[in-house]
Amino acid sequence: MKATVKGRYEGDKAMAAATLAFTPSAADLRFKASATDAAFARGPSLEGLTLTLEKPGSFLLDLKPHSKDVRFQFMNSALLLDRRVSLTYTHSTTLSPGPAKPPARTALDCSLTFDPANKLTLAHTLGSSGCRVKYSYAHGQDRLTTIEPCFDTANNAWDFAVTRKFQGGDAIKATYQASTKLLALDWTRDSKIGASFKVATSFDLSDQSKAPKLIAESTWNYEI
């Protein structure tokens, strides 16, 4: 059995979160429990707790016991004219009764992989007036640099992302959202000892008086 422990801290919100996941050796299923500090702030509670059952590449089920929010996700892929086509269906709803419950939300994501360096992704939320179209291009023989422009038809705005990987497991990613003028920088490192680390910061360029947001994550993998 494999176990994964993940910790996350958001500096601007002074909020911490932890995730514990188990993958049985003889099964493709993965069980995961995530909790924020809200689950322990006033004694142990279900607030901030999320339970997940997942079969990677097939389906995912999220349940938040406190709010009774549920998220279903189904994934599948197939070859079409020697091109890989992948489809993801996501449905979010709540089991909590009452007129104040939020409306259900359904989203579809479809991606077409032309070759290892080029991929086109289309994302649409049912009932909305637009969609997001993203193109991913991995440059070079080793494909260490990835460029991802994305256009949101609903907001008539572009997003841009550039990722650069380095030998040794380091990677740096820069993202800019034109609609919100938000600039984000991520640094990640994959360790040879079964751990990974991530530090992310974001800047609101529309209001330079705001302090940058800082997020730190650490993930550790174990064999049980």
C-alpha atoms as a PDB file:
ATOM      1  CA  MET A   1       0.000   0.000   0.000  1.00  0.00           C
ATOM      2  CA  LYS A   2       1.143   3.507  -0.800  1.00  0.00           C
ATOM      3  CA  ALA A   3       0.442   6.476   1.453  1.00  0.00           C
ATOM      4  CA  THR A   4       0.705  10.163   0.534  1.00  0.00           C
ATOM      5  CA  VAL A   5       0.798  13.025   3.027  1.00  0.00           C
ATOM      6  CA  LYS A   6       0.381  16.598   1.800  1.00  0.00           C
ATOM      7  CA  GLY A   7       0.538  19.858   3.725  1.00  0.00           C
ATOM      8  CA  ARG A   8      -0.494  23.306   2.501  1.00  0.00           C
ATOM      9  CA  TYR A   9      -0.290  26.771   4.047  1.00  0.00           C
ATOM     10  CA  GLU A  10      -1.794  30.002   2.650  1.00  0.00           C
ATOM     11  CA  GLY A  11      -0.073  33.025   4.126  1.00  0.00           C
ATOM     12  CA  ASP A  12      -2.653  35.704   3.316  1.00  0.00           C
ATOM     13  CA  LYS A  13      -5.464  33.705   4.941  1.00  0.00           C
ATOM     14  CA  ALA A  14      -3.249  32.177   7.673  1.00  0.00           C
ATOM     15  CA  MET A  15      -4.931  28.900   6.762  1.00  0.00           C
ATOM     16  CA  ALA A  16      -3.397  25.420   6.837  1.00  0.00           C
ATOM     17  CA  ALA A  17      -4.653  22.218   5.223  1.00  0.00           C
ATOM     18  CA  ALA A  18      -3.546  18.594   5.257  1.00  0.00           C
ATOM     19  CA  THR A  19      -4.326  15.642   2.975  1.00  0.00           C
ATOM     20  CA  LEU A  20      -3.837  11.939   3.654  1.00  0.00           C
ATOM     21  CA  ALA A  21      -4.268   9.468   0.767  1.00  0.00           C
ATOM     22  CA  PHE A  22      -4.011   5.666   0.555  1.00  0.00           C
ATOM     23  CA  THR A  23      -3.604   3.535  -2.587  1.00  0.00           C
ATOM     24  CA  PRO A  24      -3.987  -0.235  -2.004  1.00  0.00           C
ATOM     25  CA  SER A  25      -1.375  -2.293  -3.836  1.00  0.00           C
ATOM     26  CA  ALA A  26      -3.899  -4.706  -5.372  1.00  0.00           C
ATOM     27  CA  ALA A  27      -6.400  -2.070  -6.542  1.00  0.00           C
ATOM     28  CA  ASP A  28      -6.576   0.979  -8.756  1.00  0.00           C
ATOM     29  CA  LEU A  29      -8.702   2.862  -6.232  1.00  0.00           C
ATOM     30  CA  ARG A  30      -7.378   5.715  -4.139  1.00  0.00           C
ATOM     31  CA  PHE A  31      -8.863   6.931  -0.852  1.00  0.00           C
ATOM     32  CA  LYS A  32      -8.156  10.480   0.310  1.00  0.00           C
ATOM     33  CA  ALA A  33      -9.119  12.649   3.270  1.00  0.00           C
ATOM     34  CA  SER A  34      -8.409  16.389   3.305  1.00  0.00           C
ATOM     35  CA  ALA A  35      -8.949  18.798   6.186  1.00  0.00           C
ATOM     36  CA  THR A  36      -8.363  22.491   6.743  1.00  0.00           C
ATOM     37  CA  ASP A  37      -7.651  24.077  10.123  1.00  0.00           C
ATOM     38  CA  ALA A  38     -11.410  24.774  10.396  1.00  0.00           C
ATOM     39  CA  ALA A  39     -11.851  21.092  11.279  1.00  0.00           C
ATOM     40  CA  PHE A  40      -9.843  21.599  14.502  1.00  0.00           C
ATOM     41  CA  ALA A  41     -10.268  25.299  15.325  1.00  0.00           C
ATOM     42  CA  ARG A  42     -13.137  24.724  17.780  1.00  0.00           C
ATOM     43  CA  GLY A  43     -12.452  21.091  18.514  1.00  0.00           C
ATOM     44  CA  PRO A  44     -12.743  18.161  16.085  1.00  0.00           C
ATOM     45  CA  SER A  45     -15.589  18.694  13.600  1.00  0.00           C
ATOM     46  CA  LEU A  46     -16.629  17.858  10.038  1.00  0.00           C
ATOM     47  CA  GLU A  47     -16.174  21.462   8.897  1.00  0.00           C
ATOM     48  CA  GLY A  48     -13.356  21.730   6.353  1.00  0.00           C
ATOM     49  CA  LEU A  49     -13.255  17.938   5.822  1.00  0.00           C
ATOM     50  CA  THR A  50     -13.385  16.424   2.314  1.00  0.00           C
ATOM     51  CA  LEU A  51     -13.505  12.688   1.554  1.00  0.00           C
ATOM     52  CA  THR A  52     -12.475  11.437  -1.898  1.00  0.00           C
ATOM     53  CA  LEU A  53     -12.716   8.108  -3.697  1.00  0.00           C
ATOM     54  CA  GLU A  54     -10.786   8.052  -6.953  1.00  0.00           C
ATOM     55  CA  LYS A  55      -9.781   5.727  -9.754  1.00  0.00           C
ATOM     56  CA  PRO A  56      -7.193   7.746 -11.711  1.00  0.00           C
ATOM     57  CA  GLY A  57      -8.199   8.205 -15.326  1.00  0.00           C
ATOM     58  CA  SER A  58     -11.695   6.824 -14.722  1.00  0.00           C
ATOM     59  CA  PHE A  59     -13.756   8.552 -11.986  1.00  0.00           C
ATOM     60  CA  LEU A  60     -13.614  10.688  -8.855  1.00  0.00           C
ATOM     61  CA  LEU A  61     -16.139  11.265  -6.049  1.00  0.00           C
ATOM     62  CA  ASP A  62     -15.777  14.127  -3.545  1.00  0.00           C
ATOM     63  CA  LEU A  63     -17.954  14.484  -0.442  1.00  0.00           C
ATOM     64  CA  LYS A  64     -17.922  17.294   2.112  1.00  0.00           C
ATOM     65  CA  PRO A  65     -19.829  15.879   5.114  1.00  0.00           C
ATOM     66  CA  HIS A  66     -20.374  19.248   6.821  1.00  0.00           C
ATOM     67  CA  SER A  67     -22.070  21.023   3.901  1.00  0.00           C
ATOM     68  CA  LYS A  68     -23.163  17.809   2.138  1.00  0.00           C
ATOM     69  CA  ASP A  69     -21.617  19.043  -1.115  1.00  0.00           C
ATOM     70  CA  VAL A  70     -20.903  16.300  -3.651  1.00  0.00           C
ATOM     71  CA  ARG A  71     -18.791  16.354  -6.794  1.00  0.00           C
ATOM     72  CA  PHE A  72     -18.800  13.584  -9.413  1.00  0.00           C
ATOM     73  CA  GLN A  73     -16.173  13.410 -12.114  1.00  0.00           C
ATOM     74  CA  PHE A  74     -15.887  10.883 -14.917  1.00  0.00           C
ATOM     75  CA  MET A  75     -12.960  10.657 -17.339  1.00  0.00           C
ATOM     76  CA  ASN A  76     -12.417   8.639 -20.497  1.00  0.00           C
ATOM     77  CA  SER A  77     -10.236   8.775 -23.579  1.00  0.00           C
ATOM     78  CA  ALA A  78     -10.062   7.133 -26.987  1.00  0.00           C
ATOM     79  CA  LEU A  79      -8.117   7.237 -30.235  1.00  0.00           C
ATOM     80  CA  LEU A  80      -9.769   9.114 -33.102  1.00  0.00           C
ATOM     81  CA  LEU A  81      -7.874   9.149 -36.416  1.00  0.00           C
ATOM     82  CA  ASP A  82      -4.685   8.333 -34.485  1.00  0.00           C
ATOM     83  CA  ARG A  83      -5.267  11.303 -32.159  1.00  0.00           C
ATOM     84  CA  ARG A  84      -5.949  10.955 -28.441  1.00  0.00           C
ATOM     85  CA  VAL A  85      -9.299  12.495 -27.439  1.00  0.00           C
ATOM     86  CA  SER A  86     -10.022  12.828 -23.704  1.00  0.00           C
ATOM     87  CA  LEU A  87     -13.347  13.809 -22.138  1.00  0.00           C
ATOM     88  CA  THR A  88     -14.031  14.828 -18.525  1.00  0.00           C
ATOM     89  CA  TYR A  89     -17.565  15.243 -17.143  1.00  0.00           C
ATOM     90  CA  THR A  90     -17.928  17.042 -13.790  1.00  0.00           C
ATOM     91  CA  HIS A  91     -21.176  17.498 -11.846  1.00  0.00           C
ATOM     92  CA  SER A  92     -21.313  19.391  -8.554  1.00  0.00           C
ATOM     93  CA  THR A  93     -24.387  19.492  -6.342  1.00  0.00           C
ATOM     94  CA  THR A  94     -25.468  19.405  -2.699  1.00  0.00           C
ATOM     95  CA  LEU A  95     -27.510  16.882  -0.741  1.00  0.00           C
ATOM     96  CA  SER A  96     -28.538  19.507   1.789  1.00  0.00           C
ATOM     97  CA  PRO A  97     -32.315  20.220   1.682  1.00  0.00           C
ATOM     98  CA  GLY A  98     -33.804  23.666   1.605  1.00  0.00           C
ATOM     99  CA  PRO A  99     -34.458  26.483  -0.893  1.00  0.00           C
ATOM    100  CA  ALA A 100     -31.148  28.208  -0.100  1.00  0.00           C
ATOM    101  CA  LYS A 101     -29.016  25.401  -1.490  1.00  0.00           C
ATOM    102  CA  PRO A 102     -26.744  26.433  -4.405  1.00  0.00           C
ATOM    103  CA  PRO A 103     -27.674  25.306  -7.913  1.00  0.00           C
ATOM    104  CA  ALA A 104     -26.065  22.232  -9.421  1.00  0.00           C
ATOM    105  CA  ARG A 105     -23.183  22.803 -11.816  1.00  0.00           C
ATOM    106  CA  THR A 106     -22.127  20.635 -14.752  1.00  0.00           C
ATOM    107  CA  ALA A 107     -18.946  21.119 -16.766  1.00  0.00           C
ATOM    108  CA  LEU A 108     -17.434  19.376 -19.770  1.00  0.00           C
ATOM    109  CA  ASP A 109     -13.742  19.336 -20.679  1.00  0.00           C
ATOM    110  CA  CYS A 110     -12.507  17.898 -23.968  1.00  0.00           C
ATOM    111  CA  SER A 111      -8.881  17.700 -25.067  1.00  0.00           C
ATOM    112  CA  LEU A 112      -7.328  16.660 -28.364  1.00  0.00           C
ATOM    113  CA  THR A 113      -3.680  15.572 -28.347  1.00  0.00           C
ATOM    114  CA  PHE A 114      -2.150  15.994 -31.794  1.00  0.00           C
ATOM    115  CA  ASP A 115       1.303  14.751 -30.735  1.00  0.00           C
ATOM    116  CA  PRO A 116       3.439  14.809 -27.547  1.00  0.00           C
ATOM    117  CA  ALA A 117       4.120  18.524 -28.058  1.00  0.00           C
ATOM    118  CA  ASN A 118       0.700  19.898 -29.070  1.00  0.00           C
ATOM    119  CA  LYS A 119      -2.654  19.689 -27.300  1.00  0.00           C
ATOM    120  CA  LEU A 120      -5.941  21.607 -27.608  1.00  0.00           C
ATOM    121  CA  THR A 121      -8.417  21.782 -24.699  1.00  0.00           C
ATOM    122  CA  LEU A 122     -12.005  23.047 -24.662  1.00  0.00           C
ATOM    123  CA  ALA A 123     -13.862  23.653 -21.356  1.00  0.00           C
ATOM    124  CA  HIS A 124     -17.538  24.599 -21.067  1.00  0.00           C
ATOM    125  CA  THR A 125     -19.956  24.918 -18.158  1.00  0.00           C
ATOM    126  CA  LEU A 126     -23.502  23.938 -19.125  1.00  0.00           C
ATOM    127  CA  GLY A 127     -25.846  26.902 -18.966  1.00  0.00           C
ATOM    128  CA  SER A 128     -23.077  29.459 -19.409  1.00  0.00           C
ATOM    129  CA  SER A 129     -22.644  31.660 -22.459  1.00  0.00           C
ATOM    130  CA  GLY A 130     -19.020  30.902 -23.210  1.00  0.00           C
ATOM    131  CA  CYS A 131     -16.139  28.477 -23.001  1.00  0.00           C
ATOM    132  CA  ARG A 132     -12.389  28.374 -22.456  1.00  0.00           C
ATOM    133  CA  VAL A 133     -10.057  27.310 -25.262  1.00  0.00           C
ATOM    134  CA  LYS A 134      -6.474  26.445 -24.340  1.00  0.00           C
ATOM    135  CA  TYR A 135      -3.601  25.441 -26.574  1.00  0.00           C
ATOM    136  CA  SER A 136      -0.552  23.747 -25.083  1.00  0.00           C
ATOM    137  CA  TYR A 137       2.781  23.642 -26.903  1.00  0.00           C
ATOM    138  CA  ALA A 138       5.882  21.921 -25.499  1.00  0.00           C
ATOM    139  CA  HIS A 139       8.985  23.360 -27.143  1.00  0.00           C
ATOM    140  CA  GLY A 140      12.263  21.630 -27.907  1.00  0.00           C
ATOM    141  CA  GLN A 141      13.440  18.054 -28.263  1.00  0.00           C
ATOM    142  CA  ASP A 142      13.148  17.389 -24.528  1.00  0.00           C
ATOM    143  CA  ARG A 143       9.975  19.524 -24.280  1.00  0.00           C
ATOM    144  CA  LEU A 144      11.253  21.344 -21.208  1.00  0.00           C
ATOM    145  CA  THR A 145       9.414  24.595 -22.004  1.00  0.00           C
ATOM    146  CA  THR A 146       5.612  24.602 -22.259  1.00  0.00           C
ATOM    147  CA  ILE A 147       3.596  27.586 -23.544  1.00  0.00           C
ATOM    148  CA  GLU A 148      -0.158  27.679 -22.857  1.00  0.00           C
ATOM    149  CA  PRO A 149      -2.297  30.541 -24.183  1.00  0.00           C
ATOM    150  CA  CYS A 150      -5.965  30.368 -23.150  1.00  0.00           C
ATOM    151  CA  PHE A 151      -8.949  32.406 -24.360  1.00  0.00           C
ATOM    152  CA  ASP A 152     -12.149  32.867 -22.339  1.00  0.00           C
ATOM    153  CA  THR A 153     -14.967  33.647 -24.762  1.00  0.00           C
ATOM    154  CA  ALA A 154     -17.374  34.712 -21.986  1.00  0.00           C
ATOM    155  CA  ASN A 155     -15.037  37.420 -20.676  1.00  0.00           C
ATOM    156  CA  ASN A 156     -13.308  38.042 -24.025  1.00  0.00           C
ATOM    157  CA  ALA A 157      -9.968  37.767 -22.219  1.00  0.00           C
ATOM    158  CA  TRP A 158      -6.677  35.900 -22.560  1.00  0.00           C
ATOM    159  CA  ASP A 159      -4.659  33.961 -20.011  1.00  0.00           C
ATOM    160  CA  PHE A 160      -1.031  32.988 -20.587  1.00  0.00           C
ATOM    161  CA  ALA A 161       1.127  30.394 -18.854  1.00  0.00           C
ATOM    162  CA  VAL A 162       4.774  29.432 -19.405  1.00  0.00           C
ATOM    163  CA  THR A 163       6.421  26.494 -17.636  1.00  0.00           C
ATOM    164  CA  ARG A 164      10.128  25.741 -17.681  1.00  0.00           C
ATOM    165  CA  LYS A 165      11.481  22.435 -16.377  1.00  0.00           C
ATOM    166  CA  PHE A 166      15.084  21.925 -15.320  1.00  0.00           C
ATOM    167  CA  GLN A 167      17.306  18.920 -14.826  1.00  0.00           C
ATOM    168  CA  GLY A 168      17.075  17.640 -11.266  1.00  0.00           C
ATOM    169  CA  GLY A 169      13.313  17.987 -10.850  1.00  0.00           C
ATOM    170  CA  ASP A 170      12.878  21.769 -10.593  1.00  0.00           C
ATOM    171  CA  ALA A 171      10.197  23.658 -12.507  1.00  0.00           C
ATOM    172  CA  ILE A 172       9.125  27.305 -12.674  1.00  0.00           C
ATOM    173  CA  LYS A 173       5.712  28.427 -13.953  1.00  0.00           C
ATOM    174  CA  ALA A 174       4.455  31.942 -14.661  1.00  0.00           C
ATOM    175  CA  THR A 175       0.756  32.675 -15.253  1.00  0.00           C
ATOM    176  CA  TYR A 176      -0.962  35.923 -16.189  1.00  0.00           C
ATOM    177  CA  GLN A 177      -4.749  36.445 -16.246  1.00  0.00           C
ATOM    178  CA  ALA A 178      -5.609  39.471 -18.367  1.00  0.00           C
ATOM    179  CA  SER A 179      -9.196  39.775 -17.085  1.00  0.00           C
ATOM    180  CA  THR A 180      -8.137  40.124 -13.433  1.00  0.00           C
ATOM    181  CA  LYS A 181      -4.568  41.375 -14.009  1.00  0.00           C
ATOM    182  CA  LEU A 182      -3.316  38.614 -11.736  1.00  0.00           C
ATOM    183  CA  LEU A 183       0.308  37.476 -12.086  1.00  0.00           C
ATOM    184  CA  ALA A 184       1.301  34.169 -10.444  1.00  0.00           C
ATOM    185  CA  LEU A 185       4.696  32.506 -10.059  1.00  0.00           C
ATOM    186  CA  ASP A 186       5.186  28.874  -8.967  1.00  0.00           C
ATOM    187  CA  TRP A 187       8.344  26.946  -8.117  1.00  0.00           C
ATOM    188  CA  THR A 188       8.188  23.178  -7.668  1.00  0.00           C
ATOM    189  CA  ARG A 189      10.798  20.528  -6.936  1.00  0.00           C
ATOM    190  CA  ASP A 190      10.475  16.739  -7.133  1.00  0.00           C
ATOM    191  CA  SER A 191      12.886  15.043  -4.757  1.00  0.00           C
ATOM    192  CA  LYS A 192      14.473  11.632  -5.290  1.00  0.00           C
ATOM    193  CA  ILE A 193      13.404  10.621  -1.775  1.00  0.00           C
ATOM    194  CA  GLY A 194       9.714  10.518  -2.727  1.00  0.00           C
ATOM    195  CA  ALA A 195       8.809  14.076  -1.809  1.00  0.00           C
ATOM    196  CA  SER A 196       7.829  17.211  -3.708  1.00  0.00           C
ATOM    197  CA  PHE A 197       7.753  20.858  -2.695  1.00  0.00           C
ATOM    198  CA  LYS A 198       5.940  23.888  -4.095  1.00  0.00           C
ATOM    199  CA  VAL A 199       6.069  27.602  -3.346  1.00  0.00           C
ATOM    200  CA  ALA A 200       3.597  29.886  -5.141  1.00  0.00           C
ATOM    201  CA  THR A 201       3.011  33.605  -5.022  1.00  0.00           C
ATOM    202  CA  SER A 202       0.562  35.872  -6.831  1.00  0.00           C
ATOM    203  CA  PHE A 203       0.390  39.617  -7.423  1.00  0.00           C
ATOM    204  CA  ASP A 204      -2.728  41.690  -8.074  1.00  0.00           C
ATOM    205  CA  LEU A 205      -1.443  44.211 -10.633  1.00  0.00           C
ATOM    206  CA  SER A 206      -4.774  46.064 -10.621  1.00  0.00           C
ATOM    207  CA  ASP A 207      -4.217  47.076  -6.986  1.00  0.00           C
ATOM    208  CA  GLN A 208      -0.538  47.324  -6.122  1.00  0.00           C
ATOM    209  CA  SER A 209      -1.370  48.263  -2.534  1.00  0.00           C
ATOM    210  CA  LYS A 210      -2.323  44.618  -1.894  1.00  0.00           C
ATOM    211  CA  ALA A 211       0.395  42.387  -0.495  1.00  0.00           C
ATOM    212  CA  PRO A 212       1.390  39.339  -2.596  1.00  0.00           C
ATOM    213  CA  LYS A 213      -0.285  36.052  -1.688  1.00  0.00           C
ATOM    214  CA  LEU A 214       2.026  33.226  -0.654  1.00  0.00           C
ATOM    215  CA  ILE A 215       1.288  29.480  -0.649  1.00  0.00           C
ATOM    216  CA  ALA A 216       3.629  26.666   0.404  1.00  0.00           C
ATOM    217  CA  GLU A 217       3.004  22.953  -0.185  1.00  0.00           C
ATOM    218  CA  SER A 218       4.889  19.778   0.681  1.00  0.00           C
ATOM    219  CA  THR A 219       4.018  16.221  -0.407  1.00  0.00           C
ATOM    220  CA  TRP A 220       5.557  12.993   0.907  1.00  0.00           C
ATOM    221  CA  ASN A 221       5.047   9.454  -0.447  1.00  0.00           C
ATOM    222  CA  TYR A 222       5.499   6.303   1.638  1.00  0.00           C
ATOM    223  CA  GLU A 223       5.340   2.557   1.115  1.00  0.00           C
ATOM    224  CA  ILE A 224       3.397   0.783   3.881  1.00  0.00           C
END
